[in-house]
C-alpha atoms as a PDB file:
ATOM      1  CA  MET A   1       9.817  26.048 -11.378  1.00  0.00           C
ATOM      2  CA  SER A   2      12.621  27.445  -9.589  1.00  0.00           C
ATOM      3  CA  LYS A   3      16.641  25.891  -9.200  1.00  0.00           C
ATOM      4  CA  SER A   4      17.493  24.717  -6.223  1.00  0.00           C
ATOM      5  CA  LEU A   5      20.962  24.960  -5.208  1.00  0.00           C
ATOM      6  CA  ASN A   6      20.799  21.762  -3.048  1.00  0.00           C
ATOM      7  CA  LYS A   7      22.884  18.496  -3.743  1.00  0.00           C
ATOM      8  CA  ILE A   8      20.611  16.681  -6.652  1.00  0.00           C
ATOM      9  CA  ILE A   9      19.505  13.504  -4.890  1.00  0.00           C
ATOM     10  CA  ARG A  10      20.332  10.710  -7.096  1.00  0.00           C
ATOM     11  CA  TRP A  11      17.546   7.812  -7.195  1.00  0.00           C
ATOM     12  CA  GLY A  12      17.237   4.081  -7.445  1.00  0.00           C
ATOM     13  CA  ILE A  13      13.942   2.234  -7.224  1.00  0.00           C
ATOM     14  CA  ILE A  14      13.379  -1.096  -5.958  1.00  0.00           C
ATOM     15  CA  GLY A  15      10.115  -2.339  -7.570  1.00  0.00           C
ATOM     16  CA  CYS A  16       8.646  -0.844 -11.142  1.00  0.00           C
ATOM     17  CA  GLY A  17       4.841  -1.436 -10.383  1.00  0.00           C
ATOM     18  CA  SER A  18       1.848   0.979 -10.641  1.00  0.00           C
ATOM     19  CA  VAL A  19       3.094   2.689  -7.208  1.00  0.00           C
ATOM     20  CA  SER A  20       6.235   3.502  -8.999  1.00  0.00           C
ATOM     21  CA  HIS A  21       4.931   5.066 -11.797  1.00  0.00           C
ATOM     22  CA  ARG A  22       3.557   7.591  -9.357  1.00  0.00           C
ATOM     23  CA  PHE A  23       6.532   8.417  -7.663  1.00  0.00           C
ATOM     24  CA  MET A  24       8.097   9.034 -10.886  1.00  0.00           C
ATOM     25  CA  GLN A  25       4.960  11.753 -11.638  1.00  0.00           C
ATOM     26  CA  GLY A  26       6.443  13.218  -8.168  1.00  0.00           C
ATOM     27  CA  LEU A  27       9.859  12.833  -8.541  1.00  0.00           C
ATOM     28  CA  GLN A  28      10.050  14.784 -12.188  1.00  0.00           C
ATOM     29  CA  GLU A  29       8.117  17.915 -10.305  1.00  0.00           C
ATOM     30  CA  ILE A  30      11.223  17.803  -7.658  1.00  0.00           C
ATOM     31  CA  PRO A  31      14.573  19.803  -8.854  1.00  0.00           C
ATOM     32  CA  ASP A  32      16.817  18.443  -6.106  1.00  0.00           C
ATOM     33  CA  ALA A  33      16.021  14.548  -7.376  1.00  0.00           C
ATOM     34  CA  GLN A  34      17.246  12.769 -10.648  1.00  0.00           C
ATOM     35  CA  MET A  35      16.309   9.137 -11.233  1.00  0.00           C
ATOM     36  CA  ALA A  36      19.170   7.410 -11.870  1.00  0.00           C
ATOM     37  CA  ALA A  37      18.806   3.161 -11.441  1.00  0.00           C
ATOM     38  CA  THR A  38      16.181   0.731 -11.749  1.00  0.00           C
ATOM     39  CA  TRP A  39      15.890  -2.818 -10.257  1.00  0.00           C
ATOM     40  CA  SER A  40      12.743  -5.173 -10.795  1.00  0.00           C
ATOM     41  CA  ARG A  41      12.477  -9.100 -10.208  1.00  0.00           C
ATOM     42  CA  SER A  42      10.642  -8.436 -13.645  1.00  0.00           C
ATOM     43  CA  PRO A  43      12.989  -7.492 -16.069  1.00  0.00           C
ATOM     44  CA  GLU A  44      10.467  -6.565 -18.609  1.00  0.00           C
ATOM     45  CA  SER A  45       8.937  -4.094 -16.293  1.00  0.00           C
ATOM     46  CA  VAL A  46      12.863  -2.661 -15.702  1.00  0.00           C
ATOM     47  CA  LYS A  47      12.956  -2.172 -19.605  1.00  0.00           C
ATOM     48  CA  SER A  48       9.648  -0.350 -19.900  1.00  0.00           C
ATOM     49  CA  PHE A  49       9.899   1.691 -16.641  1.00  0.00           C
ATOM     50  CA  VAL A  50      13.767   2.818 -17.858  1.00  0.00           C
ATOM     51  CA  ASP A  51      12.328   3.481 -21.769  1.00  0.00           C
ATOM     52  CA  LYS A  52       9.907   6.370 -20.279  1.00  0.00           C
ATOM     53  CA  TYR A  53      11.554   7.597 -17.238  1.00  0.00           C
ATOM     54  CA  GLY A  54      15.761   6.978 -18.020  1.00  0.00           C
ATOM     55  CA  GLY A  55      18.359   5.901 -15.968  1.00  0.00           C
ATOM     56  CA  LYS A  56      20.610   2.286 -15.560  1.00  0.00           C
ATOM     57  CA  THR A  57      19.078  -0.683 -15.998  1.00  0.00           C
ATOM     58  CA  CYS A  58      19.925  -2.756 -13.700  1.00  0.00           C
ATOM     59  CA  SER A  59      20.327  -6.727 -13.961  1.00  0.00           C
ATOM     60  CA  ASN A  60      20.162  -7.617  -9.867  1.00  0.00           C
ATOM     61  CA  ILE A  61      19.770  -5.840  -6.696  1.00  0.00           C
ATOM     62  CA  ASP A  62      23.337  -5.835  -6.136  1.00  0.00           C
ATOM     63  CA  GLU A  63      24.009  -3.752  -9.295  1.00  0.00           C
ATOM     64  CA  LEU A  64      21.391  -1.630  -8.096  1.00  0.00           C
ATOM     65  CA  LEU A  65      23.186  -0.888  -5.112  1.00  0.00           C
ATOM     66  CA  ALA A  66      26.311  -0.671  -6.547  1.00  0.00           C
ATOM     67  CA  SER A  67      25.088   2.543  -8.753  1.00  0.00           C
ATOM     68  CA  ASP A  68      26.126   6.002  -7.828  1.00  0.00           C
ATOM     69  CA  ILE A  69      22.753   6.990  -6.019  1.00  0.00           C
ATOM     70  CA  ASP A  70      22.083   8.576  -3.005  1.00  0.00           C
ATOM     71  CA  ALA A  71      18.265   7.305  -2.277  1.00  0.00           C
ATOM     72  CA  ILE A  72      16.831   4.183  -2.888  1.00  0.00           C
ATOM     73  CA  TYR A  73      12.840   3.787  -2.957  1.00  0.00           C
ATOM     74  CA  ILE A  74      11.190   0.815  -1.957  1.00  0.00           C
ATOM     75  CA  ALA A  75       8.000   0.037  -3.781  1.00  0.00           C
ATOM     76  CA  THR A  76       7.835  -3.702  -3.443  1.00  0.00           C
ATOM     77  CA  LEU A  77       5.280  -5.418  -1.646  1.00  0.00           C
ATOM     78  CA  PRO A  78       5.218  -5.425   2.166  1.00  0.00           C
ATOM     79  CA  ASP A  79       6.976  -9.153   2.707  1.00  0.00           C
ATOM     80  CA  SER A  80      10.051  -7.459   1.125  1.00  0.00           C
ATOM     81  CA  HIS A  81      10.025  -4.179   2.600  1.00  0.00           C
ATOM     82  CA  ALA A  82      12.595  -4.958   5.553  1.00  0.00           C
ATOM     83  CA  PHE A  83      14.846  -6.930   3.293  1.00  0.00           C
ATOM     84  CA  TYR A  84      15.569  -4.289   0.644  1.00  0.00           C
ATOM     85  CA  SER A  85      15.681  -1.732   3.258  1.00  0.00           C
ATOM     86  CA  ILE A  86      18.038  -3.374   5.540  1.00  0.00           C
ATOM     87  CA  ALA A  87      20.145  -4.197   2.212  1.00  0.00           C
ATOM     88  CA  ALA A  88      20.222  -0.488   0.902  1.00  0.00           C
ATOM     89  CA  LEU A  89      20.901   0.715   4.253  1.00  0.00           C
ATOM     90  CA  LYS A  90      24.213  -1.621   4.363  1.00  0.00           C
ATOM     91  CA  ALA A  91      24.986  -0.404   1.147  1.00  0.00           C
ATOM     92  CA  GLY A  92      25.057   3.383   2.409  1.00  0.00           C
ATOM     93  CA  LYS A  93      22.335   4.388   0.715  1.00  0.00           C
ATOM     94  CA  HIS A  94      19.739   6.182   2.281  1.00  0.00           C
ATOM     95  CA  VAL A  95      15.575   4.535   2.024  1.00  0.00           C
ATOM     96  CA  LEU A  96      12.594   5.923   1.708  1.00  0.00           C
ATOM     97  CA  CYS A  97      10.248   2.360   2.032  1.00  0.00           C
ATOM     98  CA  GLU A  98       6.418   2.385   1.071  1.00  0.00           C
ATOM     99  CA  LYS A  99       4.107   1.061   3.922  1.00  0.00           C
ATOM    100  CA  PRO A 100       4.067  -0.662   5.852  1.00  0.00           C
ATOM    101  CA  ALA A 101       7.765  -0.784   6.145  1.00  0.00           C
ATOM    102  CA  SER A 102       7.539  -4.247   7.506  1.00  0.00           C
ATOM    103  CA  ILE A 103       5.016  -6.818   8.358  1.00  0.00           C
ATOM    104  CA  ASN A 104       5.435  -6.159  12.077  1.00  0.00           C
ATOM    105  CA  LEU A 105       7.252  -4.399  14.918  1.00  0.00           C
ATOM    106  CA  ILE A 106       9.811  -7.068  15.104  1.00  0.00           C
ATOM    107  CA  ASN A 107      11.149  -6.065  11.423  1.00  0.00           C
ATOM    108  CA  LEU A 108      10.668  -2.546  11.681  1.00  0.00           C
ATOM    109  CA  GLU A 109      13.124  -2.676  14.899  1.00  0.00           C
ATOM    110  CA  GLU A 110      15.613  -4.653  12.753  1.00  0.00           C
ATOM    111  CA  VAL A 111      15.551  -2.381   9.927  1.00  0.00           C
ATOM    112  CA  LEU A 112      16.001   0.675  12.685  1.00  0.00           C
ATOM    113  CA  LYS A 113      18.510  -0.740  14.001  1.00  0.00           C
ATOM    114  CA  VAL A 114      20.229  -0.815  11.015  1.00  0.00           C
ATOM    115  CA  ALA A 115      19.939   2.392   9.998  1.00  0.00           C
ATOM    116  CA  LYS A 116      20.941   4.026  13.039  1.00  0.00           C
ATOM    117  CA  GLU A 117      24.131   2.068  12.728  1.00  0.00           C
ATOM    118  CA  GLN A 118      24.733   3.285   9.455  1.00  0.00           C
ATOM    119  CA  ASN A 119      23.832   6.872  10.132  1.00  0.00           C
ATOM    120  CA  LEU A 120      21.376   6.969   7.306  1.00  0.00           C
ATOM    121  CA  LEU A 121      18.022   8.399   6.842  1.00  0.00           C
ATOM    122  CA  PHE A 122      15.179   5.983   6.702  1.00  0.00           C
ATOM    123  CA  MET A 123      11.206   6.835   6.549  1.00  0.00           C
ATOM    124  CA  GLU A 124       7.959   5.243   5.662  1.00  0.00           C
ATOM    125  CA  GLY A 125       6.397   6.625   2.989  1.00  0.00           C
ATOM    126  CA  MET A 126       3.127   8.121   4.016  1.00  0.00           C
ATOM    127  CA  LYS A 127       2.207  10.563   1.962  1.00  0.00           C
ATOM    128  CA  PRO A 128      -1.147  11.819   3.403  1.00  0.00           C
ATOM    129  CA  PRO A 129       0.681  14.774   6.178  1.00  0.00           C
ATOM    130  CA  PHE A 130       3.026  16.375   3.325  1.00  0.00           C
ATOM    131  CA  TYR A 131      -0.357  17.487   1.175  1.00  0.00           C
ATOM    132  CA  PRO A 132      -1.367  21.254   1.130  1.00  0.00           C
ATOM    133  CA  LEU A 133      -4.601  20.176   2.257  1.00  0.00           C
ATOM    134  CA  TYR A 134      -3.476  18.603   5.241  1.00  0.00           C
ATOM    135  CA  ARG A 135      -0.723  21.050   6.328  1.00  0.00           C
ATOM    136  CA  LYS A 136      -3.366  24.157   5.898  1.00  0.00           C
ATOM    137  CA  ILE A 137      -5.949  21.849   8.372  1.00  0.00           C
ATOM    138  CA  LYS A 138      -3.040  21.596  10.792  1.00  0.00           C
ATOM    139  CA  GLU A 139      -2.195  25.316  10.112  1.00  0.00           C
ATOM    140  CA  HIS A 140      -6.464  26.337  10.380  1.00  0.00           C
ATOM    141  CA  LEU A 141      -6.658  24.900  13.809  1.00  0.00           C
ATOM    142  CA  LEU A 142      -3.765  26.966  15.740  1.00  0.00           C
ATOM    143  CA  THR A 143      -5.379  30.064  15.187  1.00  0.00           C
ATOM    144  CA  ASP A 144      -9.274  28.819  15.072  1.00  0.00           C
ATOM    145  CA  PRO A 145      -9.654  25.725  16.748  1.00  0.00           C
ATOM    146  CA  ILE A 146     -11.767  22.466  16.935  1.00  0.00           C
ATOM    147  CA  GLY A 147     -11.541  22.302  20.650  1.00  0.00           C
ATOM    148  CA  GLU A 148      -9.502  19.363  22.146  1.00  0.00           C
ATOM    149  CA  ILE A 149      -9.520  16.555  19.746  1.00  0.00           C
ATOM    150  CA  GLY A 150     -11.386  12.853  21.332  1.00  0.00           C
ATOM    151  CA  TYR A 151     -12.867  10.673  18.595  1.00  0.00           C
ATOM    152  CA  LEU A 152     -11.697   9.859  14.964  1.00  0.00           C
ATOM    153  CA  ARG A 153     -13.173   7.881  12.463  1.00  0.00           C
ATOM    154  CA  ALA A 154     -12.184   6.356   8.848  1.00  0.00           C
ATOM    155  CA  GLY A 155     -11.792   3.974   6.418  1.00  0.00           C
ATOM    156  CA  SER A 156     -11.724   2.554   2.746  1.00  0.00           C
ATOM    157  CA  SER A 157     -12.913  -0.409   1.170  1.00  0.00           C
ATOM    158  CA  VAL A 158     -12.831  -1.285  -2.527  1.00  0.00           C
ATOM    159  CA  THR A 159     -14.125  -3.520  -4.797  1.00  0.00           C
ATOM    160  CA  ASP A 160     -11.883  -3.459  -7.857  1.00  0.00           C
ATOM    161  CA  ILE A 161      -9.224  -5.884  -6.187  1.00  0.00           C
ATOM    162  CA  LYS A 162      -9.628  -8.117  -9.685  1.00  0.00           C
ATOM    163  CA  GLU A 163      -8.513 -12.052  -8.860  1.00  0.00           C
ATOM    164  CA  GLY A 164      -4.337 -12.771  -8.623  1.00  0.00           C
ATOM    165  CA  HIS A 165      -3.643  -8.987  -7.488  1.00  0.00           C
ATOM    166  CA  PRO A 166      -0.732  -9.404  -5.333  1.00  0.00           C
ATOM    167  CA  SER A 167      -2.518  -7.343  -2.419  1.00  0.00           C
ATOM    168  CA  LEU A 168      -4.606 -11.094  -2.199  1.00  0.00           C
ATOM    169  CA  SER A 169      -1.753 -12.826  -1.913  1.00  0.00           C
ATOM    170  CA  HIS A 170      -0.951 -14.503   1.844  1.00  0.00           C
ATOM    171  CA  GLU A 171       2.589 -15.079   0.646  1.00  0.00           C
ATOM    172  CA  LEU A 172       3.409 -11.482  -0.082  1.00  0.00           C
ATOM    173  CA  ALA A 173       1.984 -10.169   3.207  1.00  0.00           C
ATOM    174  CA  GLY A 174      -1.666  -9.212   1.495  1.00  0.00           C
ATOM    175  CA  GLY A 175      -4.947  -7.545   2.983  1.00  0.00           C
ATOM    176  CA  SER A 176      -7.319  -4.845   3.469  1.00  0.00           C
ATOM    177  CA  ILE A 177      -5.199  -4.352   6.810  1.00  0.00           C
ATOM    178  CA  MET A 178      -1.824  -3.901   5.512  1.00  0.00           C
ATOM    179  CA  ALA A 179      -3.109  -2.168   2.082  1.00  0.00           C
ATOM    180  CA  ILE A 180      -5.660   0.415   3.597  1.00  0.00           C
ATOM    181  CA  GLY A 181      -5.306  -0.280   7.431  1.00  0.00           C
ATOM    182  CA  ILE A 182      -1.848   1.788   7.496  1.00  0.00           C
ATOM    183  CA  TYR A 183      -3.509   5.180   6.369  1.00  0.00           C
ATOM    184  CA  GLU A 184      -6.061   4.644   9.131  1.00  0.00           C
ATOM    185  CA  ALA A 185      -3.261   3.773  11.586  1.00  0.00           C
ATOM    186  CA  PHE A 186      -1.269   6.901  10.664  1.00  0.00           C
ATOM    187  CA  LEU A 187      -4.263   9.263  11.340  1.00  0.00           C
ATOM    188  CA  ALA A 188      -5.265   7.910  14.595  1.00  0.00           C
ATOM    189  CA  VAL A 189      -1.538   8.040  15.961  1.00  0.00           C
ATOM    190  CA  ASP A 190      -1.203  11.613  14.474  1.00  0.00           C
ATOM    191  CA  TRP A 191      -4.117  13.146  15.762  1.00  0.00           C
ATOM    192  CA  LEU A 192      -4.613  11.487  18.711  1.00  0.00           C
ATOM    193  CA  GLY A 193      -1.269   9.675  19.919  1.00  0.00           C
ATOM    194  CA  ASP A 194      -0.054   6.562  21.446  1.00  0.00           C
ATOM    195  CA  THR A 195      -1.788   3.984  21.237  1.00  0.00           C
ATOM    196  CA  LYS A 196      -3.246   2.231  24.660  1.00  0.00           C
ATOM    197  CA  GLN A 197      -5.082  -0.524  23.179  1.00  0.00           C
ATOM    198  CA  VAL A 198      -7.150  -2.001  20.574  1.00  0.00           C
ATOM    199  CA  GLN A 199      -9.560  -4.098  19.235  1.00  0.00           C
ATOM    200  CA  ALA A 200     -10.792  -5.615  16.372  1.00  0.00           C
ATOM    201  CA  MET A 201     -12.331  -8.208  14.235  1.00  0.00           C
ATOM    202  CA  GLY A 202     -12.584  -9.555  10.694  1.00  0.00           C
ATOM    203  CA  ARG A 203     -13.371 -12.432   7.958  1.00  0.00           C
ATOM    204  CA  LEU A 204     -10.397 -13.626   5.680  1.00  0.00           C
ATOM    205  CA  GLY A 205     -11.147 -14.674   2.164  1.00  0.00           C
ATOM    206  CA  SER A 206     -10.187 -17.751   0.254  1.00  0.00           C
ATOM    207  CA  THR A 207      -6.145 -16.678   0.139  1.00  0.00           C
ATOM    208  CA  ALA A 208      -6.058 -16.430   3.554  1.00  0.00           C
ATOM    209  CA  VAL A 209      -6.222 -12.441   3.623  1.00  0.00           C
ATOM    210  CA  ASP A 210      -8.769 -10.529   5.305  1.00  0.00           C
ATOM    211  CA  MET A 211     -11.234  -8.958   2.799  1.00  0.00           C
ATOM    212  CA  PHE A 212     -13.252  -6.856   5.482  1.00  0.00           C
ATOM    213  CA  SER A 213     -11.743  -6.165   9.091  1.00  0.00           C
ATOM    214  CA  ILE A 214     -13.413  -3.468  11.372  1.00  0.00           C
ATOM    215  CA  PHE A 215     -11.191  -2.125  14.254  1.00  0.00           C
ATOM    216  CA  GLN A 216     -11.436   0.401  17.001  1.00  0.00           C
ATOM    217  CA  THR A 217      -8.213   1.961  19.299  1.00  0.00           C
ATOM    218  CA  GLU A 218      -8.270   3.689  22.435  1.00  0.00           C
ATOM    219  CA  HIS A 219      -5.376   6.476  22.409  1.00  0.00           C
ATOM    220  CA  GLU A 220      -4.061   9.383  24.822  1.00  0.00           C
ATOM    221  CA  GLY A 221      -5.863  11.727  23.258  1.00  0.00           C
ATOM    222  CA  GLY A 222      -9.109   9.444  22.458  1.00  0.00           C
ATOM    223  CA  TYR A 223     -10.740   6.860  20.763  1.00  0.00           C
ATOM    224  CA  GLY A 224     -10.928   5.894  17.295  1.00  0.00           C
ATOM    225  CA  GLN A 225     -12.950   3.742  14.612  1.00  0.00           C
ATOM    226  CA  PHE A 226     -12.003   2.188  11.420  1.00  0.00           C
ATOM    227  CA  TYR A 227     -12.922  -0.333   8.591  1.00  0.00           C
ATOM    228  CA  THR A 228     -10.944  -1.959   5.492  1.00  0.00           C
ATOM    229  CA  GLY A 229     -11.730  -4.164   2.647  1.00  0.00           C
ATOM    230  CA  PHE A 230     -11.821  -5.539  -0.304  1.00  0.00           C
ATOM    231  CA  ASP A 231     -14.911  -6.889  -1.213  1.00  0.00           C
ATOM    232  CA  LEU A 232     -17.516  -4.018  -0.197  1.00  0.00           C
ATOM    233  CA  HIS A 233     -17.704  -0.158  -1.766  1.00  0.00           C
ATOM    234  CA  GLY A 234     -16.903   2.208   1.021  1.00  0.00           C
ATOM    235  CA  LYS A 235     -16.997   5.809   1.397  1.00  0.00           C
ATOM    236  CA  GLY A 236     -13.006   6.535   1.768  1.00  0.00           C
ATOM    237  CA  ASP A 237     -13.751  10.336   4.248  1.00  0.00           C
ATOM    238  CA  ALA A 238     -12.104  10.767   7.354  1.00  0.00           C
ATOM    239  CA  LEU A 239     -13.941  12.651  10.519  1.00  0.00           C
ATOM    240  CA  ILE A 240     -12.079  14.549  13.519  1.00  0.00           C
ATOM    241  CA  CYS A 241     -14.216  15.304  16.302  1.00  0.00           C
ATOM    242  CA  GLY A 242     -13.500  18.039  18.962  1.00  0.00           C
ATOM    243  CA  THR A 243     -14.674  20.053  21.603  1.00  0.00           C
ATOM    244  CA  LEU A 244     -15.858  23.068  19.527  1.00  0.00           C
ATOM    245  CA  GLY A 245     -15.934  21.204  15.753  1.00  0.00           C
ATOM    246  CA  ASN A 246     -15.432  18.656  13.342  1.00  0.00           C
ATOM    247  CA  ILE A 247     -13.609  18.184  10.868  1.00  0.00           C
ATOM    248  CA  THR A 248     -14.685  15.931   7.544  1.00  0.00           C
ATOM    249  CA  ILE A 249     -11.774  15.143   4.834  1.00  0.00           C
ATOM    250  CA  HIS A 250     -13.296  14.242   2.027  1.00  0.00           C
ATOM    251  CA  LYS A 251     -12.675  10.914   0.110  1.00  0.00           C
ATOM    252  CA  ASN A 252     -10.379   9.679  -0.917  1.00  0.00           C
ATOM    253  CA  TRP A 253      -8.899  11.403   2.158  1.00  0.00           C
ATOM    254  CA  TRP A 254      -5.342  10.130   1.946  1.00  0.00           C
ATOM    255  CA  ASN A 255      -4.782  11.882  -1.360  1.00  0.00           C
ATOM    256  CA  PRO A 256      -7.121  15.130   0.774  1.00  0.00           C
ATOM    257  CA  ALA A 257      -8.161  17.695  -1.351  1.00  0.00           C
ATOM    258  CA  LEU A 258     -11.043  19.182   0.318  1.00  0.00           C
ATOM    259  CA  ALA A 259     -12.066  19.230   4.186  1.00  0.00           C
ATOM    260  CA  THR A 260     -14.894  20.802   6.066  1.00  0.00           C
ATOM    261  CA  ILE A 261     -14.897  22.163   9.296  1.00  0.00           C
ATOM    262  CA  ASP A 262     -18.022  22.354  10.917  1.00  0.00           C
ATOM    263  CA  TYR A 263     -17.986  24.374  14.458  1.00  0.00           C
ATOM    264  CA  ARG A 264     -20.420  24.168  17.167  1.00  0.00           C
ATOM    265  CA  ASP A 265     -21.282  28.212  17.151  1.00  0.00           C
ATOM    266  CA  GLY A 266     -22.286  27.470  13.360  1.00  0.00           C
ATOM    267  CA  ARG A 267     -19.599  28.033  11.471  1.00  0.00           C
ATOM    268  CA  ILE A 268     -18.633  26.202   8.447  1.00  0.00           C
ATOM    269  CA  VAL A 269     -15.090  27.034   6.555  1.00  0.00           C
ATOM    270  CA  GLU A 270     -14.742  24.688   3.781  1.00  0.00           C
ATOM    271  CA  LEU A 271     -11.193  23.903   2.529  1.00  0.00           C
ATOM    272  CA  ASP A 272     -10.411  23.217  -1.251  1.00  0.00           C
ATOM    273  CA  ILE A 273      -6.783  22.842  -1.477  1.00  0.00           C
ATOM    274  CA  PRO A 274      -6.083  20.533  -5.133  1.00  0.00           C
ATOM    275  CA  PHE A 275      -2.581  18.417  -4.926  1.00  0.00           C
ATOM    276  CA  ALA A 276       0.142  18.377  -8.355  1.00  0.00           C
ATOM    277  CA  ALA A 277       1.240  15.792  -9.932  1.00  0.00           C
ATOM    278  CA  GLY A 278      -0.538  13.167  -7.974  1.00  0.00           C
ATOM    279  CA  GLY A 279       0.633  13.926  -4.577  1.00  0.00           C
ATOM    280  CA  PHE A 280       4.362  11.801  -4.467  1.00  0.00           C
ATOM    281  CA  ASN A 281       6.661  15.131  -5.172  1.00  0.00           C
ATOM    282  CA  TYR A 282       5.154  16.449  -1.652  1.00  0.00           C
ATOM    283  CA  GLU A 283       6.915  13.556   0.274  1.00  0.00           C
ATOM    284  CA  ILE A 284       9.720  13.406  -2.082  1.00  0.00           C
ATOM    285  CA  GLU A 285      11.083  16.648  -1.671  1.00  0.00           C
ATOM    286  CA  HIS A 286      10.582  16.811   1.934  1.00  0.00           C
ATOM    287  CA  PHE A 287      12.856  13.612   1.726  1.00  0.00           C
ATOM    288  CA  CYS A 288      15.370  15.294  -0.316  1.00  0.00           C
ATOM    289  CA  GLN A 289      15.693  18.170   2.014  1.00  0.00           C
ATOM    290  CA  LEU A 290      16.184  15.904   4.803  1.00  0.00           C
ATOM    291  CA  ILE A 291      19.280  14.461   3.209  1.00  0.00           C
ATOM    292  CA  ASN A 292      20.821  17.699   1.988  1.00  0.00           C
ATOM    293  CA  ASN A 293      20.071  18.857   5.944  1.00  0.00           C
ATOM    294  CA  ASN A 294      21.762  15.953   7.069  1.00  0.00           C
ATOM    295  CA  ILE A 295      19.296  15.121   8.819  1.00  0.00           C
ATOM    296  CA  LEU A 296      18.434  11.464   9.564  1.00  0.00           C
ATOM    297  CA  GLU A 297      15.215  11.089  11.173  1.00  0.00           C
ATOM    298  CA  SER A 298      11.551  13.035   9.463  1.00  0.00           C
ATOM    299  CA  PRO A 299      10.083  14.891  11.997  1.00  0.00           C
ATOM    300  CA  VAL A 300       6.766  14.381   9.992  1.00  0.00           C
ATOM    301  CA  ILE A 301       6.803  10.526   9.699  1.00  0.00           C
ATOM    302  CA  ASN A 302       9.798   9.795  12.630  1.00  0.00           C
ATOM    303  CA  HIS A 303      10.533   6.379  13.665  1.00  0.00           C
ATOM    304  CA  ASP A 304       8.372   6.082  17.084  1.00  0.00           C
ATOM    305  CA  MET A 305       4.933   6.584  14.741  1.00  0.00           C
ATOM    306  CA  SER A 306       6.270   3.950  11.978  1.00  0.00           C
ATOM    307  CA  ARG A 307       6.571   1.823  15.076  1.00  0.00           C
ATOM    308  CA  GLN A 308       2.784   2.556  16.620  1.00  0.00           C
ATOM    309  CA  MET A 309       1.748   2.237  13.122  1.00  0.00           C
ATOM    310  CA  ILE A 310       3.094  -1.157  12.548  1.00  0.00           C
ATOM    311  CA  ALA A 311       2.503  -1.870  16.389  1.00  0.00           C
ATOM    312  CA  MET A 312      -1.357  -1.313  15.521  1.00  0.00           C
ATOM    313  CA  LEU A 313      -1.811  -3.379  12.920  1.00  0.00           C
ATOM    314  CA  ASP A 314      -0.209  -6.260  14.578  1.00  0.00           C
ATOM    315  CA  LYS A 315      -2.705  -6.089  17.302  1.00  0.00           C
ATOM    316  CA  VAL A 316      -5.560  -5.461  14.437  1.00  0.00           C
ATOM    317  CA  ARG A 317      -3.986  -8.929  12.698  1.00  0.00           C
ATOM    318  CA  ALA A 318      -3.637 -10.803  15.786  1.00  0.00           C
ATOM    319  CA  HIS A 319      -7.619 -10.545  16.583  1.00  0.00           C
ATOM    320  CA  VAL A 320      -8.946 -11.268  12.885  1.00  0.00           C
ATOM    321  CA  GLY A 321      -6.504 -14.201  13.053  1.00  0.00           C
ATOM    322  CA  LEU A 322      -4.172 -13.246  10.026  1.00  0.00           C
ATOM    323  CA  ARG A 323      -0.160 -14.610  10.155  1.00  0.00           C
ATOM    324  CA  PHE A 324       2.159 -14.336   7.536  1.00  0.00           C
ATOM    325  CA  ASN A 325       4.869 -16.610   6.929  1.00  0.00           C
ATOM    326  CA  GLY A 326       8.148 -16.665   9.654  1.00  0.00           C
ATOM    327  CA  GLU A 327       5.773 -15.375  12.729  1.00  0.00           C
END
């Protein structure tokens, strides 16, 4: 690992679940990043987290926000993302917030308003576009395109969600649309552009969150079809179709390492680019570079993209009949 001449970005973390451990796996690979402080609603989880990764144990959110840190990573459940983001921004901290960045577009606009007022960086944590394989696909298409892209298909459904898991909690804004659909929303906006209309259907489970949903979208650049679920075993790949060929990003497409480009003229191009350190390292490195360069909005996951993604999920949930507390 080469030594960086940039300022070391000191991180605070809110939430100590499994995603935070994956985040730390990546952060430890970044010379511009350092773990500094942690808080969670579970004191036991904070202690074990700090014992493993270092930094200061904070007994409450106020102590964390008053710590000597530059940035906050929010790794709680969706119901609290907007609340913690606003609190961190008002405390003068840059914010990287797990997806979805809020439960709806109205709440996201409140977050972005505070980020602008505070003159601070806010970014939704969406890691696929930072992976080497995903970047390589975009680079490859510059010189060997698949023509005008007009259709995209993707989805994932998993059957290993155990009873009592937070993703099954209506109070915590759970459900497969929020947990999985946000990835599909990113893919649609990234490849097809602005959303024109959304159609969806799905079924709710015993905890009043969706257990399986399908949605199709129309964009400025074409059409998308997607599925999300917790009780069927889905494939987890993605298909991107153009006039001269198509791209398959093999499972799990959101942690991309392998893609096949199938051209109309019969050529097949295989891209096999493994990722390191769990994948969070690429996103964290990008975020730290933005801070060091005094850039307050990511050019990759910009605020308008976050708006588009959550607005799409708002429409999907409306069709399915899934509303959260306070909506």
